């Protein structure tokens, strides 16, 4: 069966959008008329969207089927395939290895839709794209916190969020306020180079993915006002490590000194020019 006939003619193939491509992939009746090559071509209608749409809607296409062991196994297998496809996509984005794109299309879209399909009306918009603005905001907050903390702590980047560091720091800053001890709370903020917004906004929002409680809401309103007045007096200067465009080699475990068969990851590291001279003054973790 030719591609033009499968797609319904050359003009329809040109006009096909990502939502229609996803619908054809996940509707059993329509997908049955497509060869596997045709399924892969549907991924390239919009390779940045069709895979996301399939990931968002493949379970919806099967929700009316009885939850048998076979159906559940198919869904689990499709999820595993999409995980591999995501690894391909990260490699493409990070290393610009666009030769992997056809492989990504197979394992993240064409084959999962072949394994798991059913009935689908109009595909839902990918929820992942709706979270992009929140993700960007969280990254900005994390970078801002890191710039302030680097003179008093050794925590870096995502370790601040993935570990319990942010939660511990948040509790250390809020506990004095719950006991109406403004002086102690301000002293701890100064010790870590932080301001009120880092406590109220940054640390509070960056802990949401852990389902942590917003303990600042439990602080008395008068104490909050007193904290704000004290921090606005101008007596509490904050030192910040400004980023610079320097790069550092991070060696993977098992690095070969001769450079053979060794994998070296280049990470952008924001460092002040005199950071190494200050390193002797940096505290390790939280006291």
C-alpha atoms as a PDB file:
ATOM      1  CA  UNK A   1       0.000   0.000   0.000  1.00  0.00           C
ATOM      2  CA  UNK A   2       1.533   3.315  -1.031  1.00  0.00           C
ATOM      3  CA  UNK A   3       2.092   6.149   1.420  1.00  0.00           C
ATOM      4  CA  UNK A   4      -0.044   8.538  -0.619  1.00  0.00           C
ATOM      5  CA  UNK A   5      -2.978   6.141  -0.597  1.00  0.00           C
ATOM      6  CA  UNK A   6      -2.525   5.392   3.118  1.00  0.00           C
ATOM      7  CA  UNK A   7      -2.514   9.060   4.010  1.00  0.00           C
ATOM      8  CA  UNK A   8      -5.467   9.800   1.755  1.00  0.00           C
ATOM      9  CA  UNK A   9      -3.638  11.617  -1.053  1.00  0.00           C
ATOM     10  CA  UNK A  10      -0.673  13.957  -1.344  1.00  0.00           C
ATOM     11  CA  UNK A  11      -2.620  17.138  -0.515  1.00  0.00           C
ATOM     12  CA  UNK A  12      -4.018  15.653   2.702  1.00  0.00           C
ATOM     13  CA  UNK A  13      -0.536  14.461   3.683  1.00  0.00           C
ATOM     14  CA  UNK A  14       0.811  17.996   3.298  1.00  0.00           C
ATOM     15  CA  UNK A  15      -2.080  19.512   5.294  1.00  0.00           C
ATOM     16  CA  UNK A  16      -1.923  16.923   8.077  1.00  0.00           C
ATOM     17  CA  UNK A  17      -1.388  18.432  11.539  1.00  0.00           C
ATOM     18  CA  UNK A  18       0.117  16.869  14.690  1.00  0.00           C
ATOM     19  CA  UNK A  19      -3.270  16.344  16.389  1.00  0.00           C
ATOM     20  CA  UNK A  20      -4.664  14.525  13.353  1.00  0.00           C
ATOM     21  CA  UNK A  21      -1.450  12.487  13.099  1.00  0.00           C
ATOM     22  CA  UNK A  22      -1.827  11.430  16.728  1.00  0.00           C
ATOM     23  CA  UNK A  23      -5.495  10.547  16.219  1.00  0.00           C
ATOM     24  CA  UNK A  24      -4.657   8.320  13.256  1.00  0.00           C
ATOM     25  CA  UNK A  25      -1.905   6.566  15.173  1.00  0.00           C
ATOM     26  CA  UNK A  26      -4.089   5.797  18.200  1.00  0.00           C
ATOM     27  CA  UNK A  27      -7.326   4.849  16.455  1.00  0.00           C
ATOM     28  CA  UNK A  28      -7.176   1.122  15.774  1.00  0.00           C
ATOM     29  CA  UNK A  29      -9.392   1.246  12.662  1.00  0.00           C
ATOM     30  CA  UNK A  30      -7.319   3.933  10.935  1.00  0.00           C
ATOM     31  CA  UNK A  31      -3.923   2.703  12.141  1.00  0.00           C
ATOM     32  CA  UNK A  32      -4.624  -0.785  10.788  1.00  0.00           C
ATOM     33  CA  UNK A  33      -4.500   0.634   7.241  1.00  0.00           C
ATOM     34  CA  UNK A  34      -1.013   2.093   7.791  1.00  0.00           C
ATOM     35  CA  UNK A  35       2.274   0.333   7.286  1.00  0.00           C
ATOM     36  CA  UNK A  36       4.911   0.792   9.973  1.00  0.00           C
ATOM     37  CA  UNK A  37       6.769   3.132   7.628  1.00  0.00           C
ATOM     38  CA  UNK A  38       3.609   5.250   7.371  1.00  0.00           C
ATOM     39  CA  UNK A  39       3.375   5.377  11.161  1.00  0.00           C
ATOM     40  CA  UNK A  40       6.929   6.648  11.376  1.00  0.00           C
ATOM     41  CA  UNK A  41       6.154   9.303   8.754  1.00  0.00           C
ATOM     42  CA  UNK A  42       3.291  10.544  10.918  1.00  0.00           C
ATOM     43  CA  UNK A  43       5.851  11.252  13.659  1.00  0.00           C
ATOM     44  CA  UNK A  44       7.684  13.566  11.258  1.00  0.00           C
ATOM     45  CA  UNK A  45       4.531  15.610  10.617  1.00  0.00           C
ATOM     46  CA  UNK A  46       5.792  17.498  13.681  1.00  0.00           C
ATOM     47  CA  UNK A  47       8.505  15.582  15.530  1.00  0.00           C
ATOM     48  CA  UNK A  48       8.422  18.010  18.463  1.00  0.00           C
ATOM     49  CA  UNK A  49       4.683  17.499  19.094  1.00  0.00           C
ATOM     50  CA  UNK A  50       3.409  14.131  17.820  1.00  0.00           C
ATOM     51  CA  UNK A  51       5.430  12.103  20.327  1.00  0.00           C
ATOM     52  CA  UNK A  52       4.164  14.258  23.206  1.00  0.00           C
ATOM     53  CA  UNK A  53       0.590  13.891  21.963  1.00  0.00           C
ATOM     54  CA  UNK A  54       0.891  10.105  21.783  1.00  0.00           C
ATOM     55  CA  UNK A  55       2.322  10.037  25.307  1.00  0.00           C
ATOM     56  CA  UNK A  56      -0.558  12.171  26.574  1.00  0.00           C
ATOM     57  CA  UNK A  57      -3.337  10.225  24.844  1.00  0.00           C
ATOM     58  CA  UNK A  58      -2.345   6.571  24.470  1.00  0.00           C
ATOM     59  CA  UNK A  59      -4.001   5.615  27.767  1.00  0.00           C
ATOM     60  CA  UNK A  60      -7.127   7.600  26.889  1.00  0.00           C
ATOM     61  CA  UNK A  61      -7.460   5.606  23.675  1.00  0.00           C
ATOM     62  CA  UNK A  62      -7.576   2.365  25.694  1.00  0.00           C
ATOM     63  CA  UNK A  63      -9.656   3.464  28.671  1.00  0.00           C
ATOM     64  CA  UNK A  64     -12.825   1.746  27.399  1.00  0.00           C
ATOM     65  CA  UNK A  65     -11.107  -1.613  27.093  1.00  0.00           C
ATOM     66  CA  UNK A  66     -11.427  -4.084  29.984  1.00  0.00           C
ATOM     67  CA  UNK A  67      -8.437  -3.929  32.329  1.00  0.00           C
ATOM     68  CA  UNK A  68      -7.105  -7.368  31.474  1.00  0.00           C
ATOM     69  CA  UNK A  69      -3.535  -8.467  32.051  1.00  0.00           C
ATOM     70  CA  UNK A  70      -2.828  -8.163  28.325  1.00  0.00           C
ATOM     71  CA  UNK A  71      -4.099  -4.574  28.151  1.00  0.00           C
ATOM     72  CA  UNK A  72      -2.117  -3.553  31.219  1.00  0.00           C
ATOM     73  CA  UNK A  73       1.012  -5.246  29.861  1.00  0.00           C
ATOM     74  CA  UNK A  74       0.657  -3.378  26.577  1.00  0.00           C
ATOM     75  CA  UNK A  75       0.331  -0.054  28.380  1.00  0.00           C
ATOM     76  CA  UNK A  76       3.372  -0.805  30.527  1.00  0.00           C
ATOM     77  CA  UNK A  77       5.408  -1.821  27.476  1.00  0.00           C
ATOM     78  CA  UNK A  78       4.457   1.397  25.664  1.00  0.00           C
ATOM     79  CA  UNK A  79       5.515   3.427  28.699  1.00  0.00           C
ATOM     80  CA  UNK A  80       8.906   1.664  28.723  1.00  0.00           C
ATOM     81  CA  UNK A  81       9.385   2.418  25.028  1.00  0.00           C
ATOM     82  CA  UNK A  82       8.594   6.096  25.564  1.00  0.00           C
ATOM     83  CA  UNK A  83      11.176   6.204  28.347  1.00  0.00           C
ATOM     84  CA  UNK A  84      13.829   5.012  25.911  1.00  0.00           C
ATOM     85  CA  UNK A  85      12.598   7.573  23.393  1.00  0.00           C
ATOM     86  CA  UNK A  86      13.002  10.306  25.982  1.00  0.00           C
ATOM     87  CA  UNK A  87      16.632   9.242  26.487  1.00  0.00           C
ATOM     88  CA  UNK A  88      17.166   9.557  22.736  1.00  0.00           C
ATOM     89  CA  UNK A  89      15.540  13.000  22.760  1.00  0.00           C
ATOM     90  CA  UNK A  90      17.741  14.229  25.597  1.00  0.00           C
ATOM     91  CA  UNK A  91      20.815  13.048  23.717  1.00  0.00           C
ATOM     92  CA  UNK A  92      19.629  14.868  20.600  1.00  0.00           C
ATOM     93  CA  UNK A  93      19.078  18.098  22.511  1.00  0.00           C
ATOM     94  CA  UNK A  94      22.300  17.922  24.510  1.00  0.00           C
ATOM     95  CA  UNK A  95      24.691  16.582  21.868  1.00  0.00           C
ATOM     96  CA  UNK A  96      22.872  17.681  18.679  1.00  0.00           C
ATOM     97  CA  UNK A  97      22.954  14.092  17.400  1.00  0.00           C
ATOM     98  CA  UNK A  98      20.084  14.476  14.963  1.00  0.00           C
ATOM     99  CA  UNK A  99      20.865  11.126  13.342  1.00  0.00           C
ATOM    100  CA  UNK A 100      19.060   9.614  16.360  1.00  0.00           C
ATOM    101  CA  UNK A 101      15.778  11.332  15.490  1.00  0.00           C
ATOM    102  CA  UNK A 102      14.359   8.461  13.374  1.00  0.00           C
ATOM    103  CA  UNK A 103      15.145   6.031  16.208  1.00  0.00           C
ATOM    104  CA  UNK A 104      13.457   8.395  18.654  1.00  0.00           C
ATOM    105  CA  UNK A 105      10.389   8.487  16.401  1.00  0.00           C
ATOM    106  CA  UNK A 106      10.146   4.696  16.396  1.00  0.00           C
ATOM    107  CA  UNK A 107      10.524   4.061  20.145  1.00  0.00           C
ATOM    108  CA  UNK A 108       8.702   7.149  21.439  1.00  0.00           C
ATOM    109  CA  UNK A 109       5.798   7.304  19.003  1.00  0.00           C
ATOM    110  CA  UNK A 110       5.336   4.769  16.184  1.00  0.00           C
ATOM    111  CA  UNK A 111       5.905   1.546  18.109  1.00  0.00           C
ATOM    112  CA  UNK A 112       4.125   2.555  21.365  1.00  0.00           C
ATOM    113  CA  UNK A 113       1.085   3.568  19.303  1.00  0.00           C
ATOM    114  CA  UNK A 114       1.287   0.212  17.484  1.00  0.00           C
ATOM    115  CA  UNK A 115       1.329  -1.640  20.827  1.00  0.00           C
ATOM    116  CA  UNK A 116      -1.359   0.434  22.592  1.00  0.00           C
ATOM    117  CA  UNK A 117      -4.293   1.863  20.635  1.00  0.00           C
ATOM    118  CA  UNK A 118      -8.056   1.883  20.661  1.00  0.00           C
ATOM    119  CA  UNK A 119     -10.637   4.639  20.203  1.00  0.00           C
ATOM    120  CA  UNK A 120      -9.733   8.339  20.409  1.00  0.00           C
ATOM    121  CA  UNK A 121     -11.756  11.392  19.462  1.00  0.00           C
ATOM    122  CA  UNK A 122      -9.750  14.612  19.547  1.00  0.00           C
ATOM    123  CA  UNK A 123      -6.358  14.295  21.293  1.00  0.00           C
ATOM    124  CA  UNK A 124      -5.766  16.276  24.475  1.00  0.00           C
ATOM    125  CA  UNK A 125      -3.048  18.911  24.531  1.00  0.00           C
ATOM    126  CA  UNK A 126       0.209  17.624  26.144  1.00  0.00           C
ATOM    127  CA  UNK A 127       0.163  18.536  29.828  1.00  0.00           C
ATOM    128  CA  UNK A 128       3.975  18.620  29.838  1.00  0.00           C
ATOM    129  CA  UNK A 129       3.967  21.755  27.680  1.00  0.00           C
ATOM    130  CA  UNK A 130       1.579  23.418  30.110  1.00  0.00           C
ATOM    131  CA  UNK A 131       4.194  22.953  32.841  1.00  0.00           C
ATOM    132  CA  UNK A 132       7.030  24.601  30.918  1.00  0.00           C
ATOM    133  CA  UNK A 133       6.438  28.074  32.385  1.00  0.00           C
ATOM    134  CA  UNK A 134       6.438  26.623  35.913  1.00  0.00           C
ATOM    135  CA  UNK A 135       9.621  24.716  35.130  1.00  0.00           C
ATOM    136  CA  UNK A 136      11.337  27.867  33.832  1.00  0.00           C
ATOM    137  CA  UNK A 137      10.299  29.787  36.936  1.00  0.00           C
ATOM    138  CA  UNK A 138      11.640  27.047  39.206  1.00  0.00           C
ATOM    139  CA  UNK A 139      14.968  27.087  37.370  1.00  0.00           C
ATOM    140  CA  UNK A 140      15.274  30.855  37.802  1.00  0.00           C
ATOM    141  CA  UNK A 141      14.503  30.550  41.497  1.00  0.00           C
ATOM    142  CA  UNK A 142      17.024  27.742  41.910  1.00  0.00           C
ATOM    143  CA  UNK A 143      19.764  29.754  40.162  1.00  0.00           C
ATOM    144  CA  UNK A 144      18.999  32.810  42.268  1.00  0.00           C
ATOM    145  CA  UNK A 145      19.188  30.780  45.476  1.00  0.00           C
ATOM    146  CA  UNK A 146      22.436  29.193  44.368  1.00  0.00           C
ATOM    147  CA  UNK A 147      24.070  32.578  43.734  1.00  0.00           C
ATOM    148  CA  UNK A 148      23.211  33.675  47.276  1.00  0.00           C
ATOM    149  CA  UNK A 149      24.129  30.410  48.985  1.00  0.00           C
ATOM    150  CA  UNK A 150      27.487  29.760  47.370  1.00  0.00           C
ATOM    151  CA  UNK A 151      29.385  31.967  49.837  1.00  0.00           C
ATOM    152  CA  UNK A 152      28.029  30.042  52.821  1.00  0.00           C
ATOM    153  CA  UNK A 153      27.319  26.543  51.519  1.00  0.00           C
ATOM    154  CA  UNK A 154      28.661  23.890  49.161  1.00  0.00           C
ATOM    155  CA  UNK A 155      25.281  22.883  47.739  1.00  0.00           C
ATOM    156  CA  UNK A 156      25.014  23.055  43.946  1.00  0.00           C
ATOM    157  CA  UNK A 157      22.201  23.171  41.417  1.00  0.00           C
ATOM    158  CA  UNK A 158      19.656  20.401  41.390  1.00  0.00           C
ATOM    159  CA  UNK A 159      21.135  18.773  44.497  1.00  0.00           C
ATOM    160  CA  UNK A 160      19.471  21.585  46.428  1.00  0.00           C
ATOM    161  CA  UNK A 161      16.074  20.334  45.251  1.00  0.00           C
ATOM    162  CA  UNK A 162      16.596  16.586  44.894  1.00  0.00           C
ATOM    163  CA  UNK A 163      18.139  16.276  48.356  1.00  0.00           C
ATOM    164  CA  UNK A 164      16.579  17.401  51.637  1.00  0.00           C
ATOM    165  CA  UNK A 165      18.725  20.542  51.696  1.00  0.00           C
ATOM    166  CA  UNK A 166      15.967  22.998  50.756  1.00  0.00           C
ATOM    167  CA  UNK A 167      13.572  21.468  53.289  1.00  0.00           C
ATOM    168  CA  UNK A 168      16.158  21.633  56.096  1.00  0.00           C
ATOM    169  CA  UNK A 169      17.111  25.202  55.251  1.00  0.00           C
ATOM    170  CA  UNK A 170      13.460  26.243  55.131  1.00  0.00           C
ATOM    171  CA  UNK A 171      12.775  24.771  58.562  1.00  0.00           C
ATOM    172  CA  UNK A 172      15.830  26.449  60.072  1.00  0.00           C
ATOM    173  CA  UNK A 173      14.636  29.818  58.804  1.00  0.00           C
ATOM    174  CA  UNK A 174      10.975  29.437  59.797  1.00  0.00           C
ATOM    175  CA  UNK A 175      11.370  27.928  63.279  1.00  0.00           C
ATOM    176  CA  UNK A 176      12.590  31.168  64.950  1.00  0.00           C
ATOM    177  CA  UNK A 177       9.668  33.066  63.403  1.00  0.00           C
ATOM    178  CA  UNK A 178       7.169  30.590  64.853  1.00  0.00           C
ATOM    179  CA  UNK A 179       8.698  31.364  68.252  1.00  0.00           C
ATOM    180  CA  UNK A 180       8.517  35.140  67.584  1.00  0.00           C
ATOM    181  CA  UNK A 181      12.332  35.407  67.580  1.00  0.00           C
ATOM    182  CA  UNK A 182      12.913  38.054  64.897  1.00  0.00           C
ATOM    183  CA  UNK A 183      16.587  38.573  65.768  1.00  0.00           C
ATOM    184  CA  UNK A 184      17.463  34.894  65.347  1.00  0.00           C
ATOM    185  CA  UNK A 185      15.518  34.593  62.079  1.00  0.00           C
ATOM    186  CA  UNK A 186      17.214  37.679  60.591  1.00  0.00           C
ATOM    187  CA  UNK A 187      20.582  36.399  61.773  1.00  0.00           C
ATOM    188  CA  UNK A 188      20.089  33.110  59.953  1.00  0.00           C
ATOM    189  CA  UNK A 189      18.965  34.868  56.779  1.00  0.00           C
ATOM    190  CA  UNK A 190      22.080  37.043  56.917  1.00  0.00           C
ATOM    191  CA  UNK A 191      24.306  34.031  57.593  1.00  0.00           C
ATOM    192  CA  UNK A 192      23.134  32.378  54.383  1.00  0.00           C
ATOM    193  CA  UNK A 193      22.968  35.595  52.350  1.00  0.00           C
ATOM    194  CA  UNK A 194      19.212  35.365  51.837  1.00  0.00           C
ATOM    195  CA  UNK A 195      16.373  37.871  51.793  1.00  0.00           C
ATOM    196  CA  UNK A 196      12.706  37.617  52.740  1.00  0.00           C
ATOM    197  CA  UNK A 197      11.595  36.684  49.204  1.00  0.00           C
ATOM    198  CA  UNK A 198      13.899  33.663  49.230  1.00  0.00           C
ATOM    199  CA  UNK A 199      12.041  32.330  52.249  1.00  0.00           C
ATOM    200  CA  UNK A 200       8.513  33.302  51.226  1.00  0.00           C
ATOM    201  CA  UNK A 201       8.710  32.542  47.503  1.00  0.00           C
ATOM    202  CA  UNK A 202      11.772  30.569  46.398  1.00  0.00           C
ATOM    203  CA  UNK A 203      12.078  27.940  49.132  1.00  0.00           C
ATOM    204  CA  UNK A 204       8.314  27.611  49.516  1.00  0.00           C
ATOM    205  CA  UNK A 205       7.661  26.968  45.817  1.00  0.00           C
ATOM    206  CA  UNK A 206      10.689  24.744  45.238  1.00  0.00           C
ATOM    207  CA  UNK A 207       9.413  22.386  47.955  1.00  0.00           C
ATOM    208  CA  UNK A 208       5.944  21.987  46.451  1.00  0.00           C
ATOM    209  CA  UNK A 209       6.872  18.916  44.393  1.00  0.00           C
ATOM    210  CA  UNK A 210       7.607  17.134  47.674  1.00  0.00           C
ATOM    211  CA  UNK A 211       4.166  17.959  49.061  1.00  0.00           C
ATOM    212  CA  UNK A 212       5.751  19.894  51.926  1.00  0.00           C
ATOM    213  CA  UNK A 213       3.700  22.170  54.156  1.00  0.00           C
ATOM    214  CA  UNK A 214       3.941  25.951  53.874  1.00  0.00           C
ATOM    215  CA  UNK A 215       4.926  26.657  57.481  1.00  0.00           C
ATOM    216  CA  UNK A 216       5.376  30.384  56.857  1.00  0.00           C
ATOM    217  CA  UNK A 217       1.569  30.684  56.797  1.00  0.00           C
ATOM    218  CA  UNK A 218       1.556  29.607  60.435  1.00  0.00           C
ATOM    219  CA  UNK A 219       3.694  32.595  61.470  1.00  0.00           C
ATOM    220  CA  UNK A 220       1.823  35.422  63.180  1.00  0.00           C
ATOM    221  CA  UNK A 221       1.062  38.399  60.919  1.00  0.00           C
ATOM    222  CA  UNK A 222       2.713  40.817  63.366  1.00  0.00           C
ATOM    223  CA  UNK A 223       5.915  38.771  63.294  1.00  0.00           C
ATOM    224  CA  UNK A 224       5.896  38.815  59.488  1.00  0.00           C
ATOM    225  CA  UNK A 225       5.515  42.603  59.500  1.00  0.00           C
ATOM    226  CA  UNK A 226       8.322  42.979  62.042  1.00  0.00           C
ATOM    227  CA  UNK A 227      10.575  40.779  59.899  1.00  0.00           C
ATOM    228  CA  UNK A 228       9.875  42.894  56.826  1.00  0.00           C
ATOM    229  CA  UNK A 229      10.567  46.155  58.684  1.00  0.00           C
ATOM    230  CA  UNK A 230      13.844  44.842  60.064  1.00  0.00           C
ATOM    231  CA  UNK A 231      15.068  43.651  56.670  1.00  0.00           C
ATOM    232  CA  UNK A 232      14.109  46.981  55.074  1.00  0.00           C
ATOM    233  CA  UNK A 233      16.232  49.051  57.473  1.00  0.00           C
ATOM    234  CA  UNK A 234      19.247  48.726  55.173  1.00  0.00           C
ATOM    235  CA  UNK A 235      21.445  47.159  57.868  1.00  0.00           C
ATOM    236  CA  UNK A 236      21.496  43.729  56.250  1.00  0.00           C
ATOM    237  CA  UNK A 237      23.746  43.745  53.206  1.00  0.00           C
ATOM    238  CA  UNK A 238      23.754  40.565  51.130  1.00  0.00           C
ATOM    239  CA  UNK A 239      26.771  39.243  49.239  1.00  0.00           C
ATOM    240  CA  UNK A 240      26.110  37.433  45.978  1.00  0.00           C
ATOM    241  CA  UNK A 241      28.378  35.297  43.787  1.00  0.00           C
ATOM    242  CA  UNK A 242      27.816  36.631  40.273  1.00  0.00           C
ATOM    243  CA  UNK A 243      28.013  34.054  37.464  1.00  0.00           C
ATOM    244  CA  UNK A 244      30.701  34.101  34.802  1.00  0.00           C
ATOM    245  CA  UNK A 245      31.074  32.090  31.586  1.00  0.00           C
ATOM    246  CA  UNK A 246      33.640  29.536  32.688  1.00  0.00           C
ATOM    247  CA  UNK A 247      33.572  25.838  31.978  1.00  0.00           C
ATOM    248  CA  UNK A 248      34.774  22.972  34.117  1.00  0.00           C
ATOM    249  CA  UNK A 249      35.474  19.357  33.273  1.00  0.00           C
ATOM    250  CA  UNK A 250      33.577  16.898  35.402  1.00  0.00           C
ATOM    251  CA  UNK A 251      35.165  13.492  35.139  1.00  0.00           C
ATOM    252  CA  UNK A 252      32.933  10.468  35.156  1.00  0.00           C
ATOM    253  CA  UNK A 253      33.880   7.519  37.403  1.00  0.00           C
ATOM    254  CA  UNK A 254      36.484   5.351  35.658  1.00  0.00           C
ATOM    255  CA  UNK A 255      38.042   8.241  33.727  1.00  0.00           C
ATOM    256  CA  UNK A 256      41.120   7.099  31.785  1.00  0.00           C
ATOM    257  CA  UNK A 257      44.061   9.470  32.274  1.00  0.00           C
ATOM    258  CA  UNK A 258      45.250   8.743  28.733  1.00  0.00           C
ATOM    259  CA  UNK A 259      41.917   9.903  27.363  1.00  0.00           C
ATOM    260  CA  UNK A 260      41.044   6.581  25.710  1.00  0.00           C
ATOM    261  CA  UNK A 261      37.504   5.268  26.024  1.00  0.00           C
ATOM    262  CA  UNK A 262      36.778   7.961  28.569  1.00  0.00           C
ATOM    263  CA  UNK A 263      33.577   9.958  28.850  1.00  0.00           C
ATOM    264  CA  UNK A 264      33.998  13.553  29.941  1.00  0.00           C
ATOM    265  CA  UNK A 265      30.929  15.711  30.581  1.00  0.00           C
ATOM    266  CA  UNK A 266      31.225  19.445  30.002  1.00  0.00           C
ATOM    267  CA  UNK A 267      29.136  21.365  32.507  1.00  0.00           C
ATOM    268  CA  UNK A 268      28.528  25.081  32.506  1.00  0.00           C
ATOM    269  CA  UNK A 269      29.582  26.167  35.974  1.00  0.00           C
ATOM    270  CA  UNK A 270      28.810  29.627  37.235  1.00  0.00           C
ATOM    271  CA  UNK A 271      31.886  30.698  39.163  1.00  0.00           C
ATOM    272  CA  UNK A 272      33.207  34.005  40.427  1.00  0.00           C
ATOM    273  CA  UNK A 273      36.775  34.742  39.392  1.00  0.00           C
ATOM    274  CA  UNK A 274      38.038  34.592  42.950  1.00  0.00           C
ATOM    275  CA  UNK A 275      35.879  31.651  44.045  1.00  0.00           C
ATOM    276  CA  UNK A 276      38.794  29.280  44.556  1.00  0.00           C
ATOM    277  CA  UNK A 277      40.418  31.758  46.913  1.00  0.00           C
ATOM    278  CA  UNK A 278      37.176  31.925  48.892  1.00  0.00           C
ATOM    279  CA  UNK A 279      36.685  28.171  48.967  1.00  0.00           C
ATOM    280  CA  UNK A 280      38.508  27.878  52.283  1.00  0.00           C
ATOM    281  CA  UNK A 281      35.804  30.048  53.841  1.00  0.00           C
ATOM    282  CA  UNK A 282      32.836  28.061  52.514  1.00  0.00           C
ATOM    283  CA  UNK A 283      30.906  26.006  55.037  1.00  0.00           C
ATOM    284  CA  UNK A 284      30.023  22.450  54.199  1.00  0.00           C
ATOM    285  CA  UNK A 285      26.258  21.948  54.408  1.00  0.00           C
ATOM    286  CA  UNK A 286      24.081  23.264  57.193  1.00  0.00           C
ATOM    287  CA  UNK A 287      25.348  23.512  60.739  1.00  0.00           C
END
